[in-house]
Amino acid sequence: MIITLIGMAGGGKSTVGKVLARQLGYGFIDTDHLIENSTGKALQSLIDEMGDMALIDIEEGCILSLELQDNCIISTGGSVVYSERSMDFLKRTSTVVFLDVPFATLKRRLSNIADRGVVGLKNGTLHDLYRERIPLYQKYADITVKVSGSDAVKKVAKKVLDSLSL
């Protein structure tokens, strides 16, 4: 089984993904790290130098070039839902799980938002992005896992596993 985690920046995709991979004995792929490794630049630097669309295009290329093998967890960047091609590929090759985290929790977790490499912040606030992206995450998700602000990482991982009946 291949599991893809989607959701907002600060939603815990990478942290939960690593825990799930460890628990299941799966491989782990963090697409943000793939982008940084392939370009040699931080996400925020790419946005500053080339703009939001360039990062979306780079992310799409990274995802479409993945040679996926069974038994892995993929943690995506929050902007992955802006690429229909990326999401079609992920839906075709994996089970897509949306980590649905309340806005207040995201805001608290993202004290360093200006350095996070978040697509869309030049054109609006974090709350604007949240409102824009939630319908996209819901559209592409096979499964939605509601995460409360007080859920520990292991509890979120258990919710994901329970939702997948693993």
N, C-alpha and C. Protein backbone atom coordinates (compact mmCIF):
# COMPACT_ATOMS: atom_id res chain seq x y z
N MET A 1 0.84 -1.19 0.00
CA MET A 1 0.00 0.00 0.00
C MET A 1 0.88 1.24 0.00
N ILE A 2 0.46 2.25 -0.74
CA ILE A 2 1.12 3.55 -0.76
C ILE A 2 0.11 4.55 -0.21
N ILE A 3 0.56 5.35 0.76
CA ILE A 3 -0.30 6.32 1.42
C ILE A 3 0.29 7.70 1.20
N THR A 4 -0.51 8.62 0.69
CA THR A 4 -0.09 10.00 0.50
C THR A 4 -0.82 10.89 1.48
N LEU A 5 -0.07 11.71 2.20
CA LEU A 5 -0.65 12.66 3.15
C LEU A 5 -0.69 14.04 2.52
N ILE A 6 -1.87 14.66 2.56
CA ILE A 6 -2.03 16.03 2.07
C ILE A 6 -2.61 16.89 3.18
N GLY A 7 -2.45 18.19 3.05
CA GLY A 7 -3.00 19.13 4.02
C GLY A 7 -2.15 20.38 4.08
N MET A 8 -2.57 21.30 4.90
CA MET A 8 -1.90 22.59 5.04
C MET A 8 -0.50 22.45 5.64
N ALA A 9 0.33 23.44 5.35
CA ALA A 9 1.62 23.56 6.04
C ALA A 9 1.33 23.62 7.53
N GLY A 10 2.13 22.94 8.32
CA GLY A 10 1.92 22.92 9.76
C GLY A 10 0.91 21.87 10.19
N GLY A 11 0.39 21.10 9.25
CA GLY A 11 -0.61 20.08 9.55
C GLY A 11 -0.04 18.78 10.08
N GLY A 12 1.28 18.64 10.05
CA GLY A 12 1.90 17.44 10.61
C GLY A 12 2.15 16.32 9.62
N LYS A 13 2.08 16.62 8.32
CA LYS A 13 2.23 15.57 7.31
C LYS A 13 3.58 14.86 7.41
N SER A 14 4.66 15.61 7.53
CA SER A 14 5.98 15.00 7.60
C SER A 14 6.18 14.24 8.90
N THR A 15 5.79 14.84 10.00
CA THR A 15 5.96 14.22 11.31
C THR A 15 5.13 12.94 11.41
N VAL A 16 3.87 13.03 11.04
CA VAL A 16 2.98 11.86 11.09
C VAL A 16 3.45 10.81 10.08
N GLY A 17 3.88 11.27 8.91
CA GLY A 17 4.36 10.34 7.88
C GLY A 17 5.54 9.52 8.35
N LYS A 18 6.47 10.15 9.04
CA LYS A 18 7.64 9.42 9.56
C LYS A 18 7.22 8.39 10.60
N VAL A 19 6.29 8.77 11.47
CA VAL A 19 5.80 7.83 12.50
C VAL A 19 5.10 6.65 11.83
N LEU A 20 4.24 6.92 10.86
CA LEU A 20 3.54 5.84 10.15
C LEU A 20 4.53 4.92 9.46
N ALA A 21 5.52 5.50 8.79
CA ALA A 21 6.51 4.69 8.08
C ALA A 21 7.25 3.78 9.06
N ARG A 22 7.62 4.33 10.19
CA ARG A 22 8.33 3.54 11.21
C ARG A 22 7.43 2.43 11.74
N GLN A 23 6.19 2.76 12.06
CA GLN A 23 5.26 1.77 12.61
C GLN A 23 4.97 0.64 11.63
N LEU A 24 4.85 0.97 10.36
CA LEU A 24 4.48 -0.02 9.35
C LEU A 24 5.69 -0.68 8.69
N GLY A 25 6.89 -0.15 8.93
CA GLY A 25 8.07 -0.65 8.24
C GLY A 25 8.08 -0.25 6.77
N TYR A 26 7.48 0.91 6.46
CA TYR A 26 7.38 1.43 5.10
C TYR A 26 8.51 2.41 4.82
N GLY A 27 8.73 2.69 3.56
CA GLY A 27 9.62 3.77 3.16
C GLY A 27 8.91 5.10 3.37
N PHE A 28 9.69 6.19 3.38
CA PHE A 28 9.12 7.52 3.59
C PHE A 28 9.68 8.48 2.56
N ILE A 29 8.79 9.23 1.90
CA ILE A 29 9.18 10.23 0.91
C ILE A 29 8.56 11.56 1.32
N ASP A 30 9.40 12.57 1.47
CA ASP A 30 8.94 13.93 1.76
C ASP A 30 9.20 14.76 0.51
N THR A 31 8.14 15.15 -0.20
CA THR A 31 8.34 15.84 -1.47
C THR A 31 9.00 17.21 -1.30
N ASP A 32 8.77 17.87 -0.17
CA ASP A 32 9.47 19.15 0.07
C ASP A 32 10.98 18.93 0.11
N HIS A 33 11.41 17.84 0.76
CA HIS A 33 12.85 17.55 0.81
C HIS A 33 13.38 17.17 -0.56
N LEU A 34 12.59 16.44 -1.35
CA LEU A 34 13.02 16.11 -2.70
C LEU A 34 13.26 17.37 -3.52
N ILE A 35 12.35 18.34 -3.38
CA ILE A 35 12.49 19.60 -4.11
C ILE A 35 13.76 20.33 -3.67
N GLU A 36 13.96 20.42 -2.36
CA GLU A 36 15.13 21.12 -1.85
C GLU A 36 16.42 20.42 -2.27
N ASN A 37 16.42 19.10 -2.24
CA ASN A 37 17.62 18.36 -2.65
C ASN A 37 17.90 18.49 -4.14
N SER A 38 16.84 18.47 -4.96
CA SER A 38 17.04 18.53 -6.40
C SER A 38 17.43 19.93 -6.88
N THR A 39 16.98 20.96 -6.17
CA THR A 39 17.28 22.34 -6.59
C THR A 39 18.45 22.94 -5.82
N GLY A 40 18.75 22.37 -4.66
CA GLY A 40 19.80 22.93 -3.82
C GLY A 40 19.36 24.21 -3.12
N LYS A 41 18.06 24.45 -3.09
CA LYS A 41 17.54 25.68 -2.48
C LYS A 41 16.38 25.37 -1.55
N ALA A 42 16.22 26.22 -0.55
CA ALA A 42 15.07 26.11 0.35
C ALA A 42 13.81 26.53 -0.42
N LEU A 43 12.66 26.01 0.00
CA LEU A 43 11.40 26.33 -0.66
C LEU A 43 11.15 27.84 -0.71
N GLN A 44 11.41 28.52 0.41
CA GLN A 44 11.17 29.96 0.44
C GLN A 44 12.08 30.69 -0.55
N SER A 45 13.32 30.25 -0.69
CA SER A 45 14.23 30.86 -1.67
C SER A 45 13.70 30.68 -3.09
N LEU A 46 13.17 29.49 -3.38
CA LEU A 46 12.59 29.25 -4.71
C LEU A 46 11.42 30.19 -4.98
N ILE A 47 10.55 30.36 -3.98
CA ILE A 47 9.41 31.27 -4.14
C ILE A 47 9.91 32.71 -4.32
N ASP A 48 10.86 33.12 -3.49
CA ASP A 48 11.38 34.50 -3.57
C ASP A 48 12.03 34.78 -4.92
N GLU A 49 12.77 33.80 -5.44
CA GLU A 49 13.52 34.01 -6.68
C GLU A 49 12.69 33.78 -7.94
N MET A 50 11.76 32.80 -7.88
CA MET A 50 11.09 32.38 -9.11
C MET A 50 9.57 32.51 -9.07
N GLY A 51 9.01 32.67 -7.88
CA GLY A 51 7.56 32.82 -7.75
C GLY A 51 6.85 31.53 -7.40
N ASP A 52 5.59 31.69 -7.01
CA ASP A 52 4.76 30.56 -6.58
C ASP A 52 4.59 29.51 -7.67
N MET A 53 4.28 29.95 -8.89
CA MET A 53 4.02 28.98 -9.96
C MET A 53 5.25 28.13 -10.27
N ALA A 54 6.42 28.71 -10.15
CA ALA A 54 7.64 27.93 -10.39
C ALA A 54 7.75 26.81 -9.38
N LEU A 55 7.46 27.10 -8.12
CA LEU A 55 7.53 26.05 -7.09
C LEU A 55 6.48 24.97 -7.37
N ILE A 56 5.29 25.36 -7.76
CA ILE A 56 4.25 24.38 -8.10
C ILE A 56 4.70 23.50 -9.26
N ASP A 57 5.32 24.10 -10.27
CA ASP A 57 5.82 23.33 -11.42
C ASP A 57 6.94 22.38 -11.02
N ILE A 58 7.86 22.85 -10.17
CA ILE A 58 8.95 22.01 -9.70
C ILE A 58 8.39 20.84 -8.89
N GLU A 59 7.43 21.14 -8.02
CA GLU A 59 6.80 20.10 -7.21
C GLU A 59 6.11 19.07 -8.10
N GLU A 60 5.42 19.54 -9.12
CA GLU A 60 4.75 18.63 -10.04
C GLU A 60 5.76 17.71 -10.73
N GLY A 61 6.84 18.28 -11.22
CA GLY A 61 7.88 17.47 -11.87
C GLY A 61 8.45 16.42 -10.94
N CYS A 62 8.66 16.83 -9.70
CA CYS A 62 9.19 15.91 -8.67
C CYS A 62 8.23 14.75 -8.44
N ILE A 63 6.96 15.06 -8.30
CA ILE A 63 5.95 14.03 -8.01
C ILE A 63 5.77 13.10 -9.21
N LEU A 64 5.68 13.67 -10.40
CA LEU A 64 5.45 12.84 -11.59
C LEU A 64 6.65 11.96 -11.91
N SER A 65 7.82 12.31 -11.39
CA SER A 65 9.00 11.48 -11.65
C SER A 65 9.24 10.43 -10.56
N LEU A 66 8.38 10.39 -9.55
CA LEU A 66 8.54 9.40 -8.49
C LEU A 66 8.39 7.99 -9.07
N GLU A 67 9.32 7.14 -8.73
CA GLU A 67 9.22 5.73 -9.09
C GLU A 67 8.79 5.00 -7.82
N LEU A 68 7.49 4.92 -7.65
CA LEU A 68 6.93 4.42 -6.41
C LEU A 68 6.96 2.90 -6.34
N GLN A 69 7.30 2.43 -5.17
CA GLN A 69 7.21 1.02 -4.87
C GLN A 69 6.21 0.87 -3.74
N ASP A 70 5.61 -0.29 -3.66
CA ASP A 70 4.62 -0.53 -2.63
C ASP A 70 5.22 -0.31 -1.24
N ASN A 71 4.36 -0.08 -0.29
CA ASN A 71 4.75 0.09 1.11
C ASN A 71 5.58 1.35 1.34
N CYS A 72 4.98 2.49 1.03
CA CYS A 72 5.63 3.75 1.36
C CYS A 72 4.60 4.81 1.73
N ILE A 73 5.08 5.79 2.46
CA ILE A 73 4.29 6.95 2.87
C ILE A 73 4.88 8.15 2.15
N ILE A 74 4.02 8.96 1.55
CA ILE A 74 4.44 10.18 0.86
C ILE A 74 3.86 11.37 1.61
N SER A 75 4.73 12.28 2.02
CA SER A 75 4.31 13.55 2.61
C SER A 75 4.49 14.62 1.55
N THR A 76 3.42 15.31 1.21
CA THR A 76 3.47 16.32 0.15
C THR A 76 3.54 17.72 0.73
N GLY A 77 3.89 18.67 -0.11
CA GLY A 77 3.80 20.06 0.26
C GLY A 77 2.34 20.48 0.24
N GLY A 78 2.00 21.50 1.01
CA GLY A 78 0.61 21.94 1.10
C GLY A 78 0.02 22.42 -0.21
N SER A 79 0.89 22.84 -1.14
CA SER A 79 0.41 23.38 -2.40
C SER A 79 0.21 22.32 -3.48
N VAL A 80 0.44 21.06 -3.17
CA VAL A 80 0.33 20.00 -4.17
C VAL A 80 -1.04 19.99 -4.84
N VAL A 81 -2.07 20.41 -4.12
CA VAL A 81 -3.43 20.39 -4.67
C VAL A 81 -3.66 21.43 -5.77
N TYR A 82 -2.69 22.31 -5.99
CA TYR A 82 -2.79 23.26 -7.09
C TYR A 82 -2.40 22.63 -8.42
N SER A 83 -1.87 21.43 -8.40
CA SER A 83 -1.49 20.73 -9.62
C SER A 83 -2.42 19.54 -9.84
N GLU A 84 -3.29 19.66 -10.81
CA GLU A 84 -4.21 18.57 -11.12
C GLU A 84 -3.43 17.33 -11.58
N ARG A 85 -2.36 17.53 -12.33
CA ARG A 85 -1.56 16.39 -12.80
C ARG A 85 -0.93 15.65 -11.62
N SER A 86 -0.41 16.39 -10.65
CA SER A 86 0.18 15.74 -9.47
C SER A 86 -0.87 14.95 -8.72
N MET A 87 -2.02 15.57 -8.50
CA MET A 87 -3.06 14.91 -7.72
C MET A 87 -3.65 13.71 -8.47
N ASP A 88 -3.79 13.80 -9.78
CA ASP A 88 -4.26 12.65 -10.55
C ASP A 88 -3.29 11.48 -10.40
N PHE A 89 -1.99 11.77 -10.48
CA PHE A 89 -0.96 10.74 -10.31
C PHE A 89 -1.04 10.12 -8.92
N LEU A 90 -1.12 10.97 -7.89
CA LEU A 90 -1.16 10.46 -6.51
C LEU A 90 -2.44 9.66 -6.26
N LYS A 91 -3.57 10.10 -6.80
CA LYS A 91 -4.83 9.37 -6.63
C LYS A 91 -4.77 8.01 -7.32
N ARG A 92 -4.11 7.96 -8.46
CA ARG A 92 -4.00 6.73 -9.23
C ARG A 92 -3.07 5.71 -8.56
N THR A 93 -2.04 6.21 -7.87
CA THR A 93 -0.99 5.32 -7.36
C THR A 93 -1.04 5.10 -5.85
N SER A 94 -1.91 5.83 -5.15
CA SER A 94 -1.89 5.74 -3.69
C SER A 94 -3.27 6.03 -3.10
N THR A 95 -3.37 5.83 -1.81
CA THR A 95 -4.53 6.26 -1.05
C THR A 95 -4.20 7.63 -0.47
N VAL A 96 -5.00 8.63 -0.81
CA VAL A 96 -4.72 10.01 -0.40
C VAL A 96 -5.49 10.31 0.89
N VAL A 97 -4.73 10.71 1.92
CA VAL A 97 -5.30 11.00 3.23
C VAL A 97 -5.09 12.48 3.55
N PHE A 98 -6.19 13.17 3.78
CA PHE A 98 -6.16 14.60 4.15
C PHE A 98 -6.13 14.72 5.66
N LEU A 99 -5.06 15.31 6.19
CA LEU A 99 -4.98 15.61 7.62
C LEU A 99 -5.65 16.97 7.83
N ASP A 100 -6.86 16.94 8.32
CA ASP A 100 -7.71 18.12 8.47
C ASP A 100 -7.50 18.73 9.86
N VAL A 101 -6.67 19.75 9.91
CA VAL A 101 -6.27 20.40 11.16
C VAL A 101 -6.99 21.74 11.28
N PRO A 102 -7.55 22.06 12.45
CA PRO A 102 -8.24 23.34 12.62
C PRO A 102 -7.30 24.53 12.36
N PHE A 103 -7.87 25.59 11.82
CA PHE A 103 -7.07 26.77 11.49
C PHE A 103 -6.32 27.32 12.70
N ALA A 104 -6.95 27.38 13.86
CA ALA A 104 -6.29 27.93 15.06
C ALA A 104 -5.02 27.14 15.39
N THR A 105 -5.05 25.84 15.20
CA THR A 105 -3.87 25.01 15.46
C THR A 105 -2.77 25.31 14.45
N LEU A 106 -3.14 25.42 13.19
CA LEU A 106 -2.15 25.74 12.15
C LEU A 106 -1.49 27.09 12.44
N LYS A 107 -2.31 28.06 12.76
CA LYS A 107 -1.78 29.40 13.04
C LYS A 107 -0.77 29.36 14.19
N ARG A 108 -1.09 28.60 15.23
CA ARG A 108 -0.19 28.49 16.37
C ARG A 108 1.12 27.78 15.98
N ARG A 109 1.02 26.75 15.15
CA ARG A 109 2.20 25.98 14.74
C ARG A 109 3.09 26.74 13.76
N LEU A 110 2.51 27.67 13.02
CA LEU A 110 3.25 28.34 11.95
C LEU A 110 3.76 29.72 12.36
N SER A 111 4.43 29.77 13.47
CA SER A 111 4.99 31.06 13.90
C SER A 111 6.08 31.53 12.94
N ASN A 112 6.68 30.60 12.19
CA ASN A 112 7.75 30.93 11.24
C ASN A 112 7.25 30.90 9.80
N ILE A 113 6.00 31.28 9.59
CA ILE A 113 5.35 31.16 8.29
C ILE A 113 6.13 31.86 7.16
N ALA A 114 6.77 32.97 7.45
CA ALA A 114 7.49 33.72 6.41
C ALA A 114 8.68 32.95 5.86
N ASP A 115 9.16 31.95 6.59
CA ASP A 115 10.33 31.17 6.16
C ASP A 115 9.96 29.77 5.69
N ARG A 116 8.69 29.43 5.69
CA ARG A 116 8.27 28.05 5.43
C ARG A 116 8.14 27.68 3.95
N GLY A 117 8.17 28.64 3.07
CA GLY A 117 8.00 28.32 1.66
C GLY A 117 6.56 27.97 1.33
N VAL A 118 5.63 28.77 1.80
CA VAL A 118 4.21 28.52 1.59
C VAL A 118 3.73 29.29 0.36
N VAL A 119 3.26 28.56 -0.64
CA VAL A 119 2.74 29.16 -1.87
C VAL A 119 1.47 29.95 -1.57
N GLY A 120 1.40 31.18 -2.09
CA GLY A 120 0.19 31.97 -2.00
C GLY A 120 0.17 33.06 -0.95
N LEU A 121 1.18 33.11 -0.11
CA LEU A 121 1.17 34.11 0.97
C LEU A 121 1.40 35.53 0.49
N LYS A 122 1.97 35.70 -0.69
CA LYS A 122 2.18 37.05 -1.21
C LYS A 122 0.86 37.68 -1.65
N ASN A 123 -0.14 36.83 -1.88
CA ASN A 123 -1.43 37.31 -2.39
C ASN A 123 -2.55 37.28 -1.35
N GLY A 124 -2.24 36.85 -0.14
CA GLY A 124 -3.29 36.77 0.86
C GLY A 124 -2.74 36.30 2.20
N THR A 125 -3.62 36.16 3.14
CA THR A 125 -3.24 35.75 4.48
C THR A 125 -3.28 34.21 4.58
N LEU A 126 -2.77 33.70 5.68
CA LEU A 126 -2.83 32.28 5.94
C LEU A 126 -4.29 31.82 5.96
N HIS A 127 -5.15 32.62 6.55
CA HIS A 127 -6.57 32.24 6.61
C HIS A 127 -7.19 32.21 5.21
N ASP A 128 -6.79 33.14 4.33
CA ASP A 128 -7.26 33.12 2.95
C ASP A 128 -6.85 31.81 2.27
N LEU A 129 -5.59 31.42 2.47
CA LEU A 129 -5.10 30.16 1.89
C LEU A 129 -5.87 28.97 2.43
N TYR A 130 -6.09 28.97 3.71
CA TYR A 130 -6.83 27.89 4.36
C TYR A 130 -8.21 27.72 3.71
N ARG A 131 -8.93 28.84 3.59
CA ARG A 131 -10.27 28.79 3.00
C ARG A 131 -10.23 28.35 1.53
N GLU A 132 -9.18 28.74 0.83
CA GLU A 132 -9.05 28.37 -0.59
C GLU A 132 -8.70 26.89 -0.77
N ARG A 133 -7.85 26.38 0.11
CA ARG A 133 -7.33 25.03 -0.08
C ARG A 133 -8.22 23.92 0.49
N ILE A 134 -8.96 24.20 1.55
CA ILE A 134 -9.75 23.14 2.18
C ILE A 134 -10.63 22.40 1.16
N PRO A 135 -11.37 23.11 0.29
CA PRO A 135 -12.18 22.38 -0.70
C PRO A 135 -11.34 21.52 -1.65
N LEU A 136 -10.12 21.96 -1.95
CA LEU A 136 -9.24 21.17 -2.83
C LEU A 136 -8.77 19.91 -2.12
N TYR A 137 -8.38 20.04 -0.86
CA TYR A 137 -7.97 18.84 -0.10
C TYR A 137 -9.13 17.86 -0.03
N GLN A 138 -10.33 18.37 0.23
CA GLN A 138 -11.51 17.50 0.33
C GLN A 138 -11.82 16.83 -1.02
N LYS A 139 -11.62 17.57 -2.09
CA LYS A 139 -11.88 17.04 -3.43
C LYS A 139 -10.99 15.84 -3.73
N TYR A 140 -9.72 15.93 -3.38
CA TYR A 140 -8.76 14.90 -3.76
C TYR A 140 -8.60 13.77 -2.73
N ALA A 141 -9.07 13.98 -1.52
CA ALA A 141 -8.86 12.99 -0.46
C ALA A 141 -9.72 11.75 -0.67
N ASP A 142 -9.10 10.59 -0.49
CA ASP A 142 -9.85 9.34 -0.40
C ASP A 142 -10.40 9.21 1.02
N ILE A 143 -9.62 9.72 1.98
CA ILE A 143 -9.96 9.63 3.40
C ILE A 143 -9.60 10.96 4.05
N THR A 144 -10.47 11.46 4.92
CA THR A 144 -10.17 12.65 5.70
C THR A 144 -10.04 12.25 7.17
N VAL A 145 -8.94 12.67 7.77
CA VAL A 145 -8.70 12.39 9.19
C VAL A 145 -8.77 13.72 9.93
N LYS A 146 -9.77 13.87 10.78
CA LYS A 146 -9.91 15.09 11.59
C LYS A 146 -8.88 15.05 12.70
N VAL A 147 -8.12 16.12 12.81
CA VAL A 147 -7.07 16.22 13.82
C VAL A 147 -7.45 17.35 14.76
N SER A 148 -7.51 17.06 16.06
CA SER A 148 -7.79 18.14 17.00
C SER A 148 -6.47 18.80 17.39
N GLY A 149 -6.55 20.00 17.87
CA GLY A 149 -5.35 20.75 18.23
C GLY A 149 -4.52 20.08 19.31
N SER A 150 -5.14 19.23 20.10
CA SER A 150 -4.41 18.60 21.21
C SER A 150 -3.93 17.18 20.88
N ASP A 151 -4.22 16.68 19.68
CA ASP A 151 -3.80 15.32 19.32
C ASP A 151 -2.27 15.21 19.25
N ALA A 152 -1.74 14.22 19.93
CA ALA A 152 -0.31 13.91 19.83
C ALA A 152 -0.07 13.21 18.49
N VAL A 153 1.17 13.24 18.04
CA VAL A 153 1.53 12.66 16.75
C VAL A 153 1.12 11.18 16.67
N LYS A 154 1.39 10.42 17.71
CA LYS A 154 1.04 8.99 17.68
C LYS A 154 -0.47 8.79 17.60
N LYS A 155 -1.23 9.68 18.20
CA LYS A 155 -2.68 9.58 18.13
C LYS A 155 -3.15 9.85 16.70
N VAL A 156 -2.55 10.84 16.04
CA VAL A 156 -2.91 11.14 14.65
C VAL A 156 -2.55 9.95 13.76
N ALA A 157 -1.36 9.38 13.98
CA ALA A 157 -0.95 8.21 13.21
C ALA A 157 -1.95 7.07 13.41
N LYS A 158 -2.40 6.86 14.64
CA LYS A 158 -3.39 5.81 14.91
C LYS A 158 -4.70 6.11 14.19
N LYS A 159 -5.12 7.37 14.17
CA LYS A 159 -6.34 7.74 13.45
C LYS A 159 -6.21 7.41 11.96
N VAL A 160 -5.03 7.69 11.40
CA VAL A 160 -4.81 7.37 9.98
C VAL A 160 -4.90 5.87 9.77
N LEU A 161 -4.19 5.10 10.61
CA LEU A 161 -4.21 3.64 10.47
C LEU A 161 -5.62 3.09 10.64
N ASP A 162 -6.35 3.60 11.60
CA ASP A 162 -7.73 3.15 11.82
C ASP A 162 -8.61 3.45 10.61
N SER A 163 -8.40 4.63 10.01
CA SER A 163 -9.22 5.02 8.85
C SER A 163 -8.92 4.15 7.64
N LEU A 164 -7.69 3.60 7.61
CA LEU A 164 -7.29 2.73 6.49
C LEU A 164 -7.57 1.26 6.82
N SER A 165 -8.04 1.00 8.03
CA SER A 165 -8.29 -0.36 8.51
C SER A 165 -7.02 -1.21 8.48
N LEU A 166 -5.91 -0.59 8.90
CA LEU A 166 -4.64 -1.33 8.96
C LEU A 166 -4.33 -1.75 10.38
